Amino acid sequence: MTKSTMGTKLPRKLEQKMQIVGEQIILARLRRNLSVAQIVERATSSPLTASRIEKGVPTVAIGIYLRVLYALQLGDDILLLAKEDAMGKALQDLGLKKRERASKKE
């Protein structure tokens, strides 16, 4: 019996974004003149996993992505995820009640 896992298949737009992330990681590695073997050693990962990250495979654990970013000296980039949250702020603003002034007593 096979185990059914939700989340292994992403919507097309998210798959495309994961591929972009993989491409950005490749570019960061190449800019630093590092080999896959060096990243694998620094991130304590396997060559297969590094390859999957560079392809943007969504089933790689986020912790491994973090180790690769750290190996590339990009560890703080993870803090940029969901940083702005424009929609959340707009929804929050809609939910805030406007303060009304008390009527002046005569």
PDB file of N, CA and C in Angstrom:
ATOM      1  N   MET A   1       0.848  -1.171   0.000  1.00  0.00           N
ATOM      2  CA  MET A   1       0.000   0.000   0.000  1.00  0.00           C
ATOM      3  C   MET A   1       0.893   1.234   0.000  1.00  0.00           C
ATOM      4  N   THR A   2       0.632   2.162  -0.884  1.00  0.00           N
ATOM      5  CA  THR A   2       1.454   3.364  -0.955  1.00  0.00           C
ATOM      6  C   THR A   2       0.906   4.431  -0.030  1.00  0.00           C
ATOM      7  N   LYS A   3       1.817   5.201   0.483  1.00  0.00           N
ATOM      8  CA  LYS A   3       1.438   6.275   1.389  1.00  0.00           C
ATOM      9  C   LYS A   3       1.070   7.506   0.561  1.00  0.00           C
ATOM     10  N   SER A   4      -0.084   8.043   0.815  1.00  0.00           N
ATOM     11  CA  SER A   4      -0.529   9.240   0.100  1.00  0.00           C
ATOM     12  C   SER A   4      -0.029  10.470   0.833  1.00  0.00           C
ATOM     13  N   THR A   5       0.681  11.306   0.113  1.00  0.00           N
ATOM     14  CA  THR A   5       1.178  12.531   0.721  1.00  0.00           C
ATOM     15  C   THR A   5       0.639  13.739  -0.007  1.00  0.00           C
ATOM     16  N   MET A   6      -0.048  14.565   0.726  1.00  0.00           N
ATOM     17  CA  MET A   6      -0.486  15.827   0.150  1.00  0.00           C
ATOM     18  C   MET A   6       0.706  16.766   0.193  1.00  0.00           C
ATOM     19  N   GLY A   7       0.801  17.634  -0.754  1.00  0.00           N
ATOM     20  CA  GLY A   7       1.881  18.604  -0.723  1.00  0.00           C
ATOM     21  C   GLY A   7       3.054  18.235  -1.601  1.00  0.00           C
ATOM     22  N   THR A   8       3.066  17.036  -2.174  1.00  0.00           N
ATOM     23  CA  THR A   8       4.164  16.708  -3.068  1.00  0.00           C
ATOM     24  C   THR A   8       3.946  17.329  -4.432  1.00  0.00           C
ATOM     25  N   LYS A   9       2.723  17.650  -4.761  1.00  0.00           N
ATOM     26  CA  LYS A   9       2.401  18.297  -6.027  1.00  0.00           C
ATOM     27  C   LYS A   9       1.955  19.718  -5.730  1.00  0.00           C
ATOM     28  N   LEU A  10       2.678  20.675  -6.320  1.00  0.00           N
ATOM     29  CA  LEU A  10       2.359  22.077  -6.103  1.00  0.00           C
ATOM     30  C   LEU A  10       1.580  22.637  -7.291  1.00  0.00           C
ATOM     31  N   PRO A  11       0.819  23.694  -7.056  1.00  0.00           N
ATOM     32  CA  PRO A  11       0.218  24.391  -8.196  1.00  0.00           C
ATOM     33  C   PRO A  11       1.322  24.878  -9.141  1.00  0.00           C
ATOM     34  N   ARG A  12       0.986  24.985 -10.410  1.00  0.00           N
ATOM     35  CA  ARG A  12       1.979  25.333 -11.436  1.00  0.00           C
ATOM     36  C   ARG A  12       2.757  26.607 -11.101  1.00  0.00           C
ATOM     37  N   LYS A  13       2.072  27.631 -10.614  1.00  0.00           N
ATOM     38  CA  LYS A  13       2.751  28.889 -10.292  1.00  0.00           C
ATOM     39  C   LYS A  13       3.797  28.695  -9.197  1.00  0.00           C
ATOM     40  N   LEU A  14       3.476  27.861  -8.214  1.00  0.00           N
ATOM     41  CA  LEU A  14       4.439  27.610  -7.143  1.00  0.00           C
ATOM     42  C   LEU A  14       5.597  26.758  -7.636  1.00  0.00           C
ATOM     43  N   GLU A  15       5.325  25.815  -8.531  1.00  0.00           N
ATOM     44  CA  GLU A  15       6.413  25.026  -9.119  1.00  0.00           C
ATOM     45  C   GLU A  15       7.381  25.932  -9.857  1.00  0.00           C
ATOM     46  N   GLN A  16       6.844  26.901 -10.592  1.00  0.00           N
ATOM     47  CA  GLN A  16       7.684  27.844 -11.327  1.00  0.00           C
ATOM     48  C   GLN A  16       8.523  28.677 -10.370  1.00  0.00           C
ATOM     49  N   LYS A  17       7.940  29.065  -9.261  1.00  0.00           N
ATOM     50  CA  LYS A  17       8.685  29.851  -8.273  1.00  0.00           C
ATOM     51  C   LYS A  17       9.781  29.018  -7.625  1.00  0.00           C
ATOM     52  N   MET A  18       9.505  27.749  -7.381  1.00  0.00           N
ATOM     53  CA  MET A  18      10.537  26.869  -6.828  1.00  0.00           C
ATOM     54  C   MET A  18      11.690  26.713  -7.820  1.00  0.00           C
ATOM     55  N   GLN A  19      11.374  26.623  -9.096  1.00  0.00           N
ATOM     56  CA  GLN A  19      12.423  26.539 -10.115  1.00  0.00           C
ATOM     57  C   GLN A  19      13.272  27.809 -10.120  1.00  0.00           C
ATOM     58  N   ILE A  20      12.636  28.947  -9.936  1.00  0.00           N
ATOM     59  CA  ILE A  20      13.371  30.213  -9.871  1.00  0.00           C
ATOM     60  C   ILE A  20      14.299  30.216  -8.661  1.00  0.00           C
ATOM     61  N   VAL A  21      13.795  29.730  -7.526  1.00  0.00           N
ATOM     62  CA  VAL A  21      14.635  29.652  -6.321  1.00  0.00           C
ATOM     63  C   VAL A  21      15.850  28.778  -6.602  1.00  0.00           C
ATOM     64  N   GLY A  22      15.629  27.649  -7.252  1.00  0.00           N
ATOM     65  CA  GLY A  22      16.739  26.764  -7.599  1.00  0.00           C
ATOM     66  C   GLY A  22      17.751  27.456  -8.493  1.00  0.00           C
ATOM     67  N   GLU A  23      17.254  28.187  -9.489  1.00  0.00           N
ATOM     68  CA  GLU A  23      18.145  28.924 -10.391  1.00  0.00           C
ATOM     69  C   GLU A  23      18.922  29.997  -9.642  1.00  0.00           C
ATOM     70  N   GLN A  24      18.281  30.652  -8.691  1.00  0.00           N
ATOM     71  CA  GLN A  24      18.959  31.682  -7.910  1.00  0.00           C
ATOM     72  C   GLN A  24      20.055  31.069  -7.035  1.00  0.00           C
ATOM     73  N   ILE A  25      19.802  29.886  -6.513  1.00  0.00           N
ATOM     74  CA  ILE A  25      20.817  29.200  -5.712  1.00  0.00           C
ATOM     75  C   ILE A  25      22.002  28.798  -6.591  1.00  0.00           C
ATOM     76  N   ILE A  26      21.723  28.315  -7.807  1.00  0.00           N
ATOM     77  CA  ILE A  26      22.808  27.985  -8.742  1.00  0.00           C
ATOM     78  C   ILE A  26      23.650  29.229  -9.018  1.00  0.00           C
ATOM     79  N   LEU A  27      22.988  30.345  -9.323  1.00  0.00           N
ATOM     80  CA  LEU A  27      23.719  31.576  -9.616  1.00  0.00           C
ATOM     81  C   LEU A  27      24.560  32.031  -8.429  1.00  0.00           C
ATOM     82  N   ALA A  28      24.007  31.923  -7.229  1.00  0.00           N
ATOM     83  CA  ALA A  28      24.758  32.307  -6.028  1.00  0.00           C
ATOM     84  C   ALA A  28      25.998  31.426  -5.870  1.00  0.00           C
ATOM     85  N   ARG A  29      25.838  30.135  -6.133  1.00  0.00           N
ATOM     86  CA  ARG A  29      26.981  29.210  -6.031  1.00  0.00           C
ATOM     87  C   ARG A  29      28.038  29.552  -7.078  1.00  0.00           C
ATOM     88  N   LEU A  30      27.602  29.796  -8.305  1.00  0.00           N
ATOM     89  CA  LEU A  30      28.544  30.099  -9.384  1.00  0.00           C
ATOM     90  C   LEU A  30      29.242  31.438  -9.154  1.00  0.00           C
ATOM     91  N   ARG A  31      28.522  32.427  -8.650  1.00  0.00           N
ATOM     92  CA  ARG A  31      29.133  33.729  -8.362  1.00  0.00           C
ATOM     93  C   ARG A  31      30.248  33.600  -7.329  1.00  0.00           C
ATOM     94  N   ARG A  32      30.093  32.646  -6.440  1.00  0.00           N
ATOM     95  CA  ARG A  32      31.089  32.424  -5.396  1.00  0.00           C
ATOM     96  C   ARG A  32      32.173  31.441  -5.839  1.00  0.00           C
ATOM     97  N   ASN A  33      32.037  30.977  -7.071  1.00  0.00           N
ATOM     98  CA  ASN A  33      32.994  30.032  -7.648  1.00  0.00           C
ATOM     99  C   ASN A  33      33.108  28.764  -6.792  1.00  0.00           C
ATOM    100  N   LEU A  34      31.942  28.273  -6.341  1.00  0.00           N
ATOM    101  CA  LEU A  34      31.906  27.061  -5.519  1.00  0.00           C
ATOM    102  C   LEU A  34      31.354  25.906  -6.339  1.00  0.00           C
ATOM    103  N   SER A  35      31.882  24.737  -6.093  1.00  0.00           N
ATOM    104  CA  SER A  35      31.374  23.537  -6.762  1.00  0.00           C
ATOM    105  C   SER A  35      30.209  22.968  -5.954  1.00  0.00           C
ATOM    106  N   VAL A  36      29.462  22.095  -6.586  1.00  0.00           N
ATOM    107  CA  VAL A  36      28.382  21.403  -5.874  1.00  0.00           C
ATOM    108  C   VAL A  36      28.980  20.608  -4.717  1.00  0.00           C
ATOM    109  N   ALA A  37      30.145  19.996  -4.941  1.00  0.00           N
ATOM    110  CA  ALA A  37      30.797  19.208  -3.889  1.00  0.00           C
ATOM    111  C   ALA A  37      31.117  20.072  -2.667  1.00  0.00           C
ATOM    112  N   GLN A  38      31.536  21.306  -2.897  1.00  0.00           N
ATOM    113  CA  GLN A  38      31.846  22.193  -1.772  1.00  0.00           C
ATOM    114  C   GLN A  38      30.581  22.560  -0.999  1.00  0.00           C
ATOM    115  N   ILE A  39      29.505  22.822  -1.722  1.00  0.00           N
ATOM    116  CA  ILE A  39      28.239  23.152  -1.055  1.00  0.00           C
ATOM    117  C   ILE A  39      27.731  21.953  -0.272  1.00  0.00           C
ATOM    118  N   VAL A  40      27.822  20.781  -0.882  1.00  0.00           N
ATOM    119  CA  VAL A  40      27.385  19.547  -0.224  1.00  0.00           C
ATOM    120  C   VAL A  40      28.141  19.353   1.092  1.00  0.00           C
ATOM    121  N   GLU A  41      29.447  19.586   1.051  1.00  0.00           N
ATOM    122  CA  GLU A  41      30.266  19.423   2.260  1.00  0.00           C
ATOM    123  C   GLU A  41      29.888  20.451   3.320  1.00  0.00           C
ATOM    124  N   ARG A  42      29.736  21.685   2.913  1.00  0.00           N
ATOM    125  CA  ARG A  42      29.417  22.754   3.871  1.00  0.00           C
ATOM    126  C   ARG A  42      28.012  22.626   4.433  1.00  0.00           C
ATOM    127  N   ALA A  43      27.084  22.136   3.630  1.00  0.00           N
ATOM    128  CA  ALA A  43      25.691  22.023   4.064  1.00  0.00           C
ATOM    129  C   ALA A  43      25.387  20.651   4.661  1.00  0.00           C
ATOM    130  N   THR A  44      26.394  19.813   4.757  1.00  0.00           N
ATOM    131  CA  THR A  44      26.227  18.420   5.210  1.00  0.00           C
ATOM    132  C   THR A  44      25.008  17.789   4.550  1.00  0.00           C
ATOM    133  N   SER A  45      25.059  17.760   3.249  1.00  0.00           N
ATOM    134  CA  SER A  45      23.978  17.233   2.438  1.00  0.00           C
ATOM    135  C   SER A  45      24.554  16.209   1.471  1.00  0.00           C
ATOM    136  N   SER A  46      23.717  15.693   0.601  1.00  0.00           N
ATOM    137  CA  SER A  46      24.179  14.758  -0.419  1.00  0.00           C
ATOM    138  C   SER A  46      24.159  15.445  -1.782  1.00  0.00           C
ATOM    139  N   PRO A  47      24.955  14.953  -2.734  1.00  0.00           N
ATOM    140  CA  PRO A  47      24.925  15.528  -4.080  1.00  0.00           C
ATOM    141  C   PRO A  47      23.529  15.452  -4.705  1.00  0.00           C
ATOM    142  N   LEU A  48      22.814  14.377  -4.455  1.00  0.00           N
ATOM    143  CA  LEU A  48      21.463  14.241  -4.990  1.00  0.00           C
ATOM    144  C   LEU A  48      20.543  15.339  -4.444  1.00  0.00           C
ATOM    145  N   THR A  49      20.631  15.592  -3.160  1.00  0.00           N
ATOM    146  CA  THR A  49      19.803  16.631  -2.546  1.00  0.00           C
ATOM    147  C   THR A  49      20.173  18.003  -3.090  1.00  0.00           C
ATOM    148  N   ALA A  50      21.461  18.263  -3.234  1.00  0.00           N
ATOM    149  CA  ALA A  50      21.893  19.547  -3.790  1.00  0.00           C
ATOM    150  C   ALA A  50      21.350  19.722  -5.208  1.00  0.00           C
ATOM    151  N   SER A  51      21.365  18.656  -5.977  1.00  0.00           N
ATOM    152  CA  SER A  51      20.833  18.692  -7.331  1.00  0.00           C
ATOM    153  C   SER A  51      19.337  18.982  -7.310  1.00  0.00           C
ATOM    154  N   ARG A  52      18.634  18.366  -6.378  1.00  0.00           N
ATOM    155  CA  ARG A  52      17.189  18.575  -6.272  1.00  0.00           C
ATOM    156  C   ARG A  52      16.874  20.007  -5.862  1.00  0.00           C
ATOM    157  N   ILE A  53      17.695  20.581  -4.996  1.00  0.00           N
ATOM    158  CA  ILE A  53      17.499  21.973  -4.588  1.00  0.00           C
ATOM    159  C   ILE A  53      17.701  22.896  -5.787  1.00  0.00           C
ATOM    160  N   GLU A  54      18.748  22.637  -6.548  1.00  0.00           N
ATOM    161  CA  GLU A  54      19.041  23.490  -7.699  1.00  0.00           C
ATOM    162  C   GLU A  54      18.001  23.334  -8.810  1.00  0.00           C
ATOM    163  N   LYS A  55      17.251  22.241  -8.785  1.00  0.00           N
ATOM    164  CA  LYS A  55      16.160  22.052  -9.748  1.00  0.00           C
ATOM    165  C   LYS A  55      14.839  22.608  -9.204  1.00  0.00           C
ATOM    166  N   GLY A  56      14.829  22.970  -7.920  1.00  0.00           N
ATOM    167  CA  GLY A  56      13.611  23.517  -7.318  1.00  0.00           C
ATOM    168  C   GLY A  56      12.590  22.463  -6.951  1.00  0.00           C
ATOM    169  N   VAL A  57      13.057  21.271  -6.627  1.00  0.00           N
ATOM    170  CA  VAL A  57      12.146  20.189  -6.242  1.00  0.00           C
ATOM    171  C   VAL A  57      11.499  20.545  -4.896  1.00  0.00           C
ATOM    172  N   PRO A  58      10.164  20.552  -4.819  1.00  0.00           N
ATOM    173  CA  PRO A  58       9.483  21.027  -3.615  1.00  0.00           C
ATOM    174  C   PRO A  58       9.496  20.071  -2.427  1.00  0.00           C
ATOM    175  N   THR A  59       9.947  18.856  -2.603  1.00  0.00           N
ATOM    176  CA  THR A  59       9.896  17.904  -1.493  1.00  0.00           C
ATOM    177  C   THR A  59      11.139  17.944  -0.610  1.00  0.00           C
ATOM    178  N   VAL A  60      12.110  18.763  -0.957  1.00  0.00           N
ATOM    179  CA  VAL A  60      13.300  18.904  -0.116  1.00  0.00           C
ATOM    180  C   VAL A  60      12.913  19.718   1.114  1.00  0.00           C
ATOM    181  N   ALA A  61      13.327  19.248   2.269  1.00  0.00           N
ATOM    182  CA  ALA A  61      12.963  19.915   3.526  1.00  0.00           C
ATOM    183  C   ALA A  61      13.533  21.328   3.581  1.00  0.00           C
ATOM    184  N   ILE A  62      12.772  22.221   4.187  1.00  0.00           N
ATOM    185  CA  ILE A  62      13.198  23.614   4.265  1.00  0.00           C
ATOM    186  C   ILE A  62      14.489  23.756   5.067  1.00  0.00           C
ATOM    187  N   GLY A  63      14.708  22.871   6.014  1.00  0.00           N
ATOM    188  CA  GLY A  63      15.947  22.912   6.799  1.00  0.00           C
ATOM    189  C   GLY A  63      17.179  22.706   5.937  1.00  0.00           C
ATOM    190  N   ILE A  64      17.050  21.882   4.922  1.00  0.00           N
ATOM    191  CA  ILE A  64      18.175  21.647   4.022  1.00  0.00           C
ATOM    192  C   ILE A  64      18.396  22.875   3.144  1.00  0.00           C
ATOM    193  N   TYR A  65      17.305  23.494   2.690  1.00  0.00           N
ATOM    194  CA  TYR A  65      17.446  24.760   1.960  1.00  0.00           C
ATOM    195  C   TYR A  65      18.196  25.771   2.831  1.00  0.00           C
ATOM    196  N   LEU A  66      17.850  25.833   4.120  1.00  0.00           N
ATOM    197  CA  LEU A  66      18.510  26.766   5.034  1.00  0.00           C
ATOM    198  C   LEU A  66      19.999  26.467   5.150  1.00  0.00           C
ATOM    199  N   ARG A  67      20.347  25.181   5.228  1.00  0.00           N
ATOM    200  CA  ARG A  67      21.766  24.821   5.319  1.00  0.00           C
ATOM    201  C   ARG A  67      22.519  25.216   4.059  1.00  0.00           C
ATOM    202  N   VAL A  68      21.881  25.055   2.897  1.00  0.00           N
ATOM    203  CA  VAL A  68      22.521  25.451   1.634  1.00  0.00           C
ATOM    204  C   VAL A  68      22.661  26.974   1.586  1.00  0.00           C
ATOM    205  N   LEU A  69      21.624  27.698   1.975  1.00  0.00           N
ATOM    206  CA  LEU A  69      21.730  29.159   2.017  1.00  0.00           C
ATOM    207  C   LEU A  69      22.840  29.595   2.968  1.00  0.00           C
ATOM    208  N   TYR A  70      22.946  28.931   4.097  1.00  0.00           N
ATOM    209  CA  TYR A  70      23.997  29.240   5.068  1.00  0.00           C
ATOM    210  C   TYR A  70      25.377  28.956   4.463  1.00  0.00           C
ATOM    211  N   ALA A  71      25.497  27.850   3.743  1.00  0.00           N
ATOM    212  CA  ALA A  71      26.764  27.505   3.095  1.00  0.00           C
ATOM    213  C   ALA A  71      27.147  28.553   2.057  1.00  0.00           C
ATOM    214  N   LEU A  72      26.150  29.203   1.482  1.00  0.00           N
ATOM    215  CA  LEU A  72      26.384  30.258   0.492  1.00  0.00           C
ATOM    216  C   LEU A  72      26.493  31.638   1.142  1.00  0.00           C
ATOM    217  N   GLN A  73      26.462  31.676   2.467  1.00  0.00           N
ATOM    218  CA  GLN A  73      26.478  32.917   3.244  1.00  0.00           C
ATOM    219  C   GLN A  73      25.257  33.786   2.923  1.00  0.00           C
ATOM    220  N   LEU A  74      24.130  33.124   2.718  1.00  0.00           N
ATOM    221  CA  LEU A  74      22.860  33.797   2.453  1.00  0.00           C
ATOM    222  C   LEU A  74      21.813  33.422   3.506  1.00  0.00           C
ATOM    223  N   GLY A  75      22.267  33.018   4.669  1.00  0.00           N
ATOM    224  CA  GLY A  75      21.361  32.542   5.709  1.00  0.00           C
ATOM    225  C   GLY A  75      20.289  33.548   6.116  1.00  0.00           C
ATOM    226  N   ASP A  76      20.602  34.829   6.075  1.00  0.00           N
ATOM    227  CA  ASP A  76      19.622  35.842   6.484  1.00  0.00           C
ATOM    228  C   ASP A  76      18.534  36.058   5.443  1.00  0.00           C
ATOM    229  N   ASP A  77      18.735  35.563   4.225  1.00  0.00           N
ATOM    230  CA  ASP A  77      17.724  35.735   3.186  1.00  0.00           C
ATOM    231  C   ASP A  77      16.397  35.074   3.548  1.00  0.00           C
ATOM    232  N   ILE A  78      16.427  34.062   4.392  1.00  0.00           N
ATOM    233  CA  ILE A  78      15.194  33.380   4.784  1.00  0.00           C
ATOM    234  C   ILE A  78      14.273  34.340   5.538  1.00  0.00           C
ATOM    235  N   LEU A  79      14.863  35.357   6.163  1.00  0.00           N
ATOM    236  CA  LEU A  79      14.069  36.323   6.918  1.00  0.00           C
ATOM    237  C   LEU A  79      13.237  37.227   6.014  1.00  0.00           C
ATOM    238  N   LEU A  80      13.499  37.185   4.715  1.00  0.00           N
ATOM    239  CA  LEU A  80      12.738  38.004   3.771  1.00  0.00           C
ATOM    240  C   LEU A  80      11.405  37.366   3.398  1.00  0.00           C
ATOM    241  N   LEU A  81      11.234  36.080   3.713  1.00  0.00           N
ATOM    242  CA  LEU A  81       9.981  35.403   3.401  1.00  0.00           C
ATOM    243  C   LEU A  81       8.837  36.019   4.202  1.00  0.00           C
ATOM    244  N   ALA A  82       7.797  36.373   3.527  1.00  0.00           N
ATOM    245  CA  ALA A  82       6.572  36.923   4.130  1.00  0.00           C
ATOM    246  C   ALA A  82       6.830  38.171   4.963  1.00  0.00           C
ATOM    247  N   LYS A  83       7.898  38.877   4.663  1.00  0.00           N
ATOM    248  CA  LYS A  83       8.260  40.049   5.454  1.00  0.00           C
ATOM    249  C   LYS A  83       7.263  41.191   5.283  1.00  0.00           C
ATOM    250  N   GLU A  84       6.898  41.499   4.068  1.00  0.00           N
ATOM    251  CA  GLU A  84       6.042  42.652   3.826  1.00  0.00           C
ATOM    252  C   GLU A  84       4.574  42.366   4.145  1.00  0.00           C
ATOM    253  N   ASP A  85       4.042  41.265   3.687  1.00  0.00           N
ATOM    254  CA  ASP A  85       2.665  40.842   3.955  1.00  0.00           C
ATOM    255  C   ASP A  85       1.645  41.965   3.742  1.00  0.00           C
ATOM    256  N   ALA A  86       1.655  42.533   2.537  1.00  0.00           N
ATOM    257  CA  ALA A  86       0.754  43.641   2.215  1.00  0.00           C
ATOM    258  C   ALA A  86      -0.711  43.247   2.393  1.00  0.00           C
ATOM    259  N   MET A  87      -1.073  42.044   1.966  1.00  0.00           N
ATOM    260  CA  MET A  87      -2.465  41.619   2.099  1.00  0.00           C
ATOM    261  C   MET A  87      -2.864  41.492   3.564  1.00  0.00           C
ATOM    262  N   GLY A  88      -2.023  40.904   4.372  1.00  0.00           N
ATOM    263  CA  GLY A  88      -2.324  40.749   5.788  1.00  0.00           C
ATOM    264  C   GLY A  88      -2.491  42.090   6.486  1.00  0.00           C
ATOM    265  N   LYS A  89      -1.626  43.032   6.136  1.00  0.00           N
ATOM    266  CA  LYS A  89      -1.737  44.367   6.736  1.00  0.00           C
ATOM    267  C   LYS A  89      -3.024  45.061   6.302  1.00  0.00           C
ATOM    268  N   ALA A  90      -3.391  44.897   5.018  1.00  0.00           N
ATOM    269  CA  ALA A  90      -4.630  45.507   4.525  1.00  0.00           C
ATOM    270  C   ALA A  90      -5.838  44.903   5.226  1.00  0.00           C
ATOM    271  N   LEU A  91      -5.836  43.589   5.399  1.00  0.00           N
ATOM    272  CA  LEU A  91      -6.948  42.936   6.092  1.00  0.00           C
ATOM    273  C   LEU A  91      -7.027  43.382   7.544  1.00  0.00           C
ATOM    274  N   GLN A  92      -5.864  43.526   8.154  1.00  0.00           N
ATOM    275  CA  GLN A  92      -5.835  43.982   9.533  1.00  0.00           C
ATOM    276  C   GLN A  92      -6.392  45.401   9.630  1.00  0.00           C
ATOM    277  N   ASP A  93      -5.989  46.254   8.703  1.00  0.00           N
ATOM    278  CA  ASP A  93      -6.474  47.639   8.711  1.00  0.00           C
ATOM    279  C   ASP A  93      -7.989  47.701   8.527  1.00  0.00           C
ATOM    280  N   LEU A  94      -8.535  46.829   7.688  1.00  0.00           N
ATOM    281  CA  LEU A  94      -9.980  46.796   7.485  1.00  0.00           C
ATOM    282  C   LEU A  94     -10.715  46.403   8.762  1.00  0.00           C
ATOM    283  N   GLY A  95     -10.071  45.563   9.553  1.00  0.00           N
ATOM    284  CA  GLY A  95     -10.714  45.083  10.768  1.00  0.00           C
ATOM    285  C   GLY A  95     -10.623  46.041  11.937  1.00  0.00           C
ATOM    286  N   LEU A  96      -9.770  47.039  11.805  1.00  0.00           N
ATOM    287  CA  LEU A  96      -9.621  47.988  12.907  1.00  0.00           C
ATOM    288  C   LEU A  96     -10.819  48.927  12.924  1.00  0.00           C
ATOM    289  N   LYS A  97     -11.343  49.132  14.082  1.00  0.00           N
ATOM    290  CA  LYS A  97     -12.483  50.039  14.205  1.00  0.00           C
ATOM    291  C   LYS A  97     -11.968  51.463  14.322  1.00  0.00           C
ATOM    292  N   LYS A  98     -12.657  52.343  13.651  1.00  0.00           N
ATOM    293  CA  LYS A  98     -12.275  53.749  13.751  1.00  0.00           C
ATOM    294  C   LYS A  98     -12.761  54.288  15.087  1.00  0.00           C
ATOM    295  N   ARG A  99     -11.892  55.029  15.707  1.00  0.00           N
ATOM    296  CA  ARG A  99     -12.258  55.632  16.990  1.00  0.00           C
ATOM    297  C   ARG A  99     -13.167  56.821  16.731  1.00  0.00           C
ATOM    298  N   GLU A 100     -14.219  56.887  17.476  1.00  0.00           N
ATOM    299  CA  GLU A 100     -15.134  58.012  17.348  1.00  0.00           C
ATOM    300  C   GLU A 100     -14.981  58.900  18.565  1.00  0.00           C
ATOM    301  N   ARG A 101     -15.050  60.167  18.304  1.00  0.00           N
ATOM    302  CA  ARG A 101     -14.958  61.114  19.408  1.00  0.00           C
ATOM    303  C   ARG A 101     -16.241  61.100  20.221  1.00  0.00           C
ATOM    304  N   ALA A 102     -16.064  61.285  21.460  1.00  0.00           N
ATOM    305  CA  ALA A 102     -17.244  61.415  22.328  1.00  0.00           C
ATOM    306  C   ALA A 102     -17.924  62.740  22.005  1.00  0.00           C
ATOM    307  N   SER A 103     -19.226  62.758  22.089  1.00  0.00           N
ATOM    308  CA  SER A 103     -19.954  64.009  21.802  1.00  0.00           C
ATOM    309  C   SER A 103     -19.671  65.009  22.903  1.00  0.00           C
ATOM    310  N   LYS A 104     -19.650  66.283  22.488  1.00  0.00           N
ATOM    311  CA  LYS A 104     -19.407  67.341  23.468  1.00  0.00           C
ATOM    312  C   LYS A 104     -20.642  67.528  24.324  1.00  0.00           C
ATOM    313  N   LYS A 105     -20.411  67.648  25.581  1.00  0.00           N
ATOM    314  CA  LYS A 105     -21.509  67.889  26.509  1.00  0.00           C
ATOM    315  C   LYS A 105     -21.780  69.381  26.568  1.00  0.00           C
ATOM    316  N   GLU A 106     -23.021  69.721  26.569  1.00  0.00           N
ATOM    317  CA  GLU A 106     -23.361  71.147  26.626  1.00  0.00           C
ATOM    318  C   GLU A 106     -23.721  71.571  27.997  1.00  0.00           C
TER     319      GLU A 106
END
